[in-house]
């Protein structure tokens, strides 16, 4: 959705800078989900149910940070 890899900082055109990046529709078999990423990267996983979200996150052995975006306060609390 947003590729920060081609960004060139105006003050440091020869520098090594990665701008914010957003990767959507990520699945658990993708490298971007299985391996840790250092940088301003947001990966978005889409699921149908709250339980599917909980199971998905709990199946990752690394316990990386996660968030839920929902309109339901009770779903956010349970997650």
C-alpha atoms as a PDB file:
ATOM      1  CA  UNK A   1       0.000   0.000   0.000  1.00  0.00           C
ATOM      2  CA  UNK A   2       2.896   2.328   0.755  1.00  0.00           C
ATOM      3  CA  UNK A   3       6.468   1.690  -0.413  1.00  0.00           C
ATOM      4  CA  UNK A   4       9.081   3.606   1.567  1.00  0.00           C
ATOM      5  CA  UNK A   5      12.078   1.908  -0.041  1.00  0.00           C
ATOM      6  CA  UNK A   6      12.539   4.465  -2.811  1.00  0.00           C
ATOM      7  CA  UNK A   7      12.468   7.542  -0.577  1.00  0.00           C
ATOM      8  CA  UNK A   8      15.402   9.950  -0.952  1.00  0.00           C
ATOM      9  CA  UNK A   9      15.943  12.360   1.938  1.00  0.00           C
ATOM     10  CA  UNK A  10      16.506  15.873   0.529  1.00  0.00           C
ATOM     11  CA  UNK A  11      19.383  16.660   2.932  1.00  0.00           C
ATOM     12  CA  UNK A  12      21.038  13.240   2.591  1.00  0.00           C
ATOM     13  CA  UNK A  13      20.471  11.988  -0.959  1.00  0.00           C
ATOM     14  CA  UNK A  14      23.232   9.362  -0.610  1.00  0.00           C
ATOM     15  CA  UNK A  15      21.964   8.160   2.778  1.00  0.00           C
ATOM     16  CA  UNK A  16      20.307   4.905   3.691  1.00  0.00           C
ATOM     17  CA  UNK A  17      16.803   5.795   4.828  1.00  0.00           C
ATOM     18  CA  UNK A  18      13.595   3.787   4.662  1.00  0.00           C
ATOM     19  CA  UNK A  19      10.393   5.786   4.839  1.00  0.00           C
ATOM     20  CA  UNK A  20       7.213   4.350   6.350  1.00  0.00           C
ATOM     21  CA  UNK A  21       5.974   1.249   4.566  1.00  0.00           C
ATOM     22  CA  UNK A  22       2.580  -0.481   4.748  1.00  0.00           C
ATOM     23  CA  UNK A  23       2.067  -4.053   3.540  1.00  0.00           C
ATOM     24  CA  UNK A  24      -1.555  -5.200   3.390  1.00  0.00           C
ATOM     25  CA  UNK A  25      -3.270  -8.600   3.138  1.00  0.00           C
ATOM     26  CA  UNK A  26      -0.374 -10.393   4.819  1.00  0.00           C
ATOM     27  CA  UNK A  27      -0.715 -14.125   5.498  1.00  0.00           C
ATOM     28  CA  UNK A  28       1.182 -16.256   8.012  1.00  0.00           C
ATOM     29  CA  UNK A  29       3.207 -17.979   5.274  1.00  0.00           C
ATOM     30  CA  UNK A  30       4.756 -14.691   4.071  1.00  0.00           C
ATOM     31  CA  UNK A  31       8.338 -13.865   5.019  1.00  0.00           C
ATOM     32  CA  UNK A  32       7.259 -10.402   6.132  1.00  0.00           C
ATOM     33  CA  UNK A  33       5.103 -12.043   8.833  1.00  0.00           C
ATOM     34  CA  UNK A  34       7.514 -14.821   9.822  1.00  0.00           C
ATOM     35  CA  UNK A  35      10.637 -12.669  10.232  1.00  0.00           C
ATOM     36  CA  UNK A  36      11.254  -9.557  12.282  1.00  0.00           C
ATOM     37  CA  UNK A  37      11.478  -6.302  10.360  1.00  0.00           C
ATOM     38  CA  UNK A  38      13.504  -3.352  11.605  1.00  0.00           C
ATOM     39  CA  UNK A  39      12.114  -0.072  10.414  1.00  0.00           C
ATOM     40  CA  UNK A  40       8.900   1.870  10.104  1.00  0.00           C
ATOM     41  CA  UNK A  41       6.847  -1.008   8.652  1.00  0.00           C
ATOM     42  CA  UNK A  42       3.227  -1.852   9.351  1.00  0.00           C
ATOM     43  CA  UNK A  43       1.904  -5.205   8.191  1.00  0.00           C
ATOM     44  CA  UNK A  44      -1.863  -5.636   7.984  1.00  0.00           C
ATOM     45  CA  UNK A  45      -3.522  -9.024   8.425  1.00  0.00           C
ATOM     46  CA  UNK A  46      -7.235  -9.311   7.693  1.00  0.00           C
ATOM     47  CA  UNK A  47      -9.436 -11.847   9.458  1.00  0.00           C
ATOM     48  CA  UNK A  48     -13.183 -12.459   9.653  1.00  0.00           C
ATOM     49  CA  UNK A  49     -13.701 -13.045  13.386  1.00  0.00           C
ATOM     50  CA  UNK A  50     -12.258 -12.022  16.717  1.00  0.00           C
ATOM     51  CA  UNK A  51     -11.335 -15.626  17.521  1.00  0.00           C
ATOM     52  CA  UNK A  52      -9.528 -15.942  14.187  1.00  0.00           C
ATOM     53  CA  UNK A  53      -7.502 -12.826  15.091  1.00  0.00           C
ATOM     54  CA  UNK A  54      -6.594 -14.205  18.507  1.00  0.00           C
ATOM     55  CA  UNK A  55      -5.639 -17.606  17.077  1.00  0.00           C
ATOM     56  CA  UNK A  56      -3.612 -15.975  14.307  1.00  0.00           C
ATOM     57  CA  UNK A  57      -1.553 -13.863  16.705  1.00  0.00           C
ATOM     58  CA  UNK A  58      -1.094 -16.705  19.191  1.00  0.00           C
ATOM     59  CA  UNK A  59       0.243 -19.011  16.459  1.00  0.00           C
ATOM     60  CA  UNK A  60       3.264 -16.741  15.941  1.00  0.00           C
ATOM     61  CA  UNK A  61       6.162 -18.081  18.064  1.00  0.00           C
ATOM     62  CA  UNK A  62       7.891 -14.704  18.303  1.00  0.00           C
ATOM     63  CA  UNK A  63       5.195 -12.735  20.104  1.00  0.00           C
ATOM     64  CA  UNK A  64       5.808  -9.569  18.112  1.00  0.00           C
ATOM     65  CA  UNK A  65       3.633  -6.556  18.828  1.00  0.00           C
ATOM     66  CA  UNK A  66       0.139  -6.436  17.427  1.00  0.00           C
ATOM     67  CA  UNK A  67      -2.974  -4.287  17.459  1.00  0.00           C
ATOM     68  CA  UNK A  68      -6.610  -4.701  16.552  1.00  0.00           C
ATOM     69  CA  UNK A  69      -8.658  -2.182  14.605  1.00  0.00           C
ATOM     70  CA  UNK A  70     -12.351  -2.632  15.341  1.00  0.00           C
ATOM     71  CA  UNK A  71     -15.545  -0.740  16.069  1.00  0.00           C
ATOM     72  CA  UNK A  72     -16.282  -3.073  18.999  1.00  0.00           C
ATOM     73  CA  UNK A  73     -15.057  -2.040  22.431  1.00  0.00           C
ATOM     74  CA  UNK A  74     -15.658  -5.530  23.837  1.00  0.00           C
ATOM     75  CA  UNK A  75     -13.656  -7.138  21.002  1.00  0.00           C
ATOM     76  CA  UNK A  76     -10.771  -4.718  21.635  1.00  0.00           C
ATOM     77  CA  UNK A  77     -10.871  -5.506  25.360  1.00  0.00           C
ATOM     78  CA  UNK A  78     -10.879  -9.275  24.807  1.00  0.00           C
ATOM     79  CA  UNK A  79      -8.075  -9.072  22.216  1.00  0.00           C
END
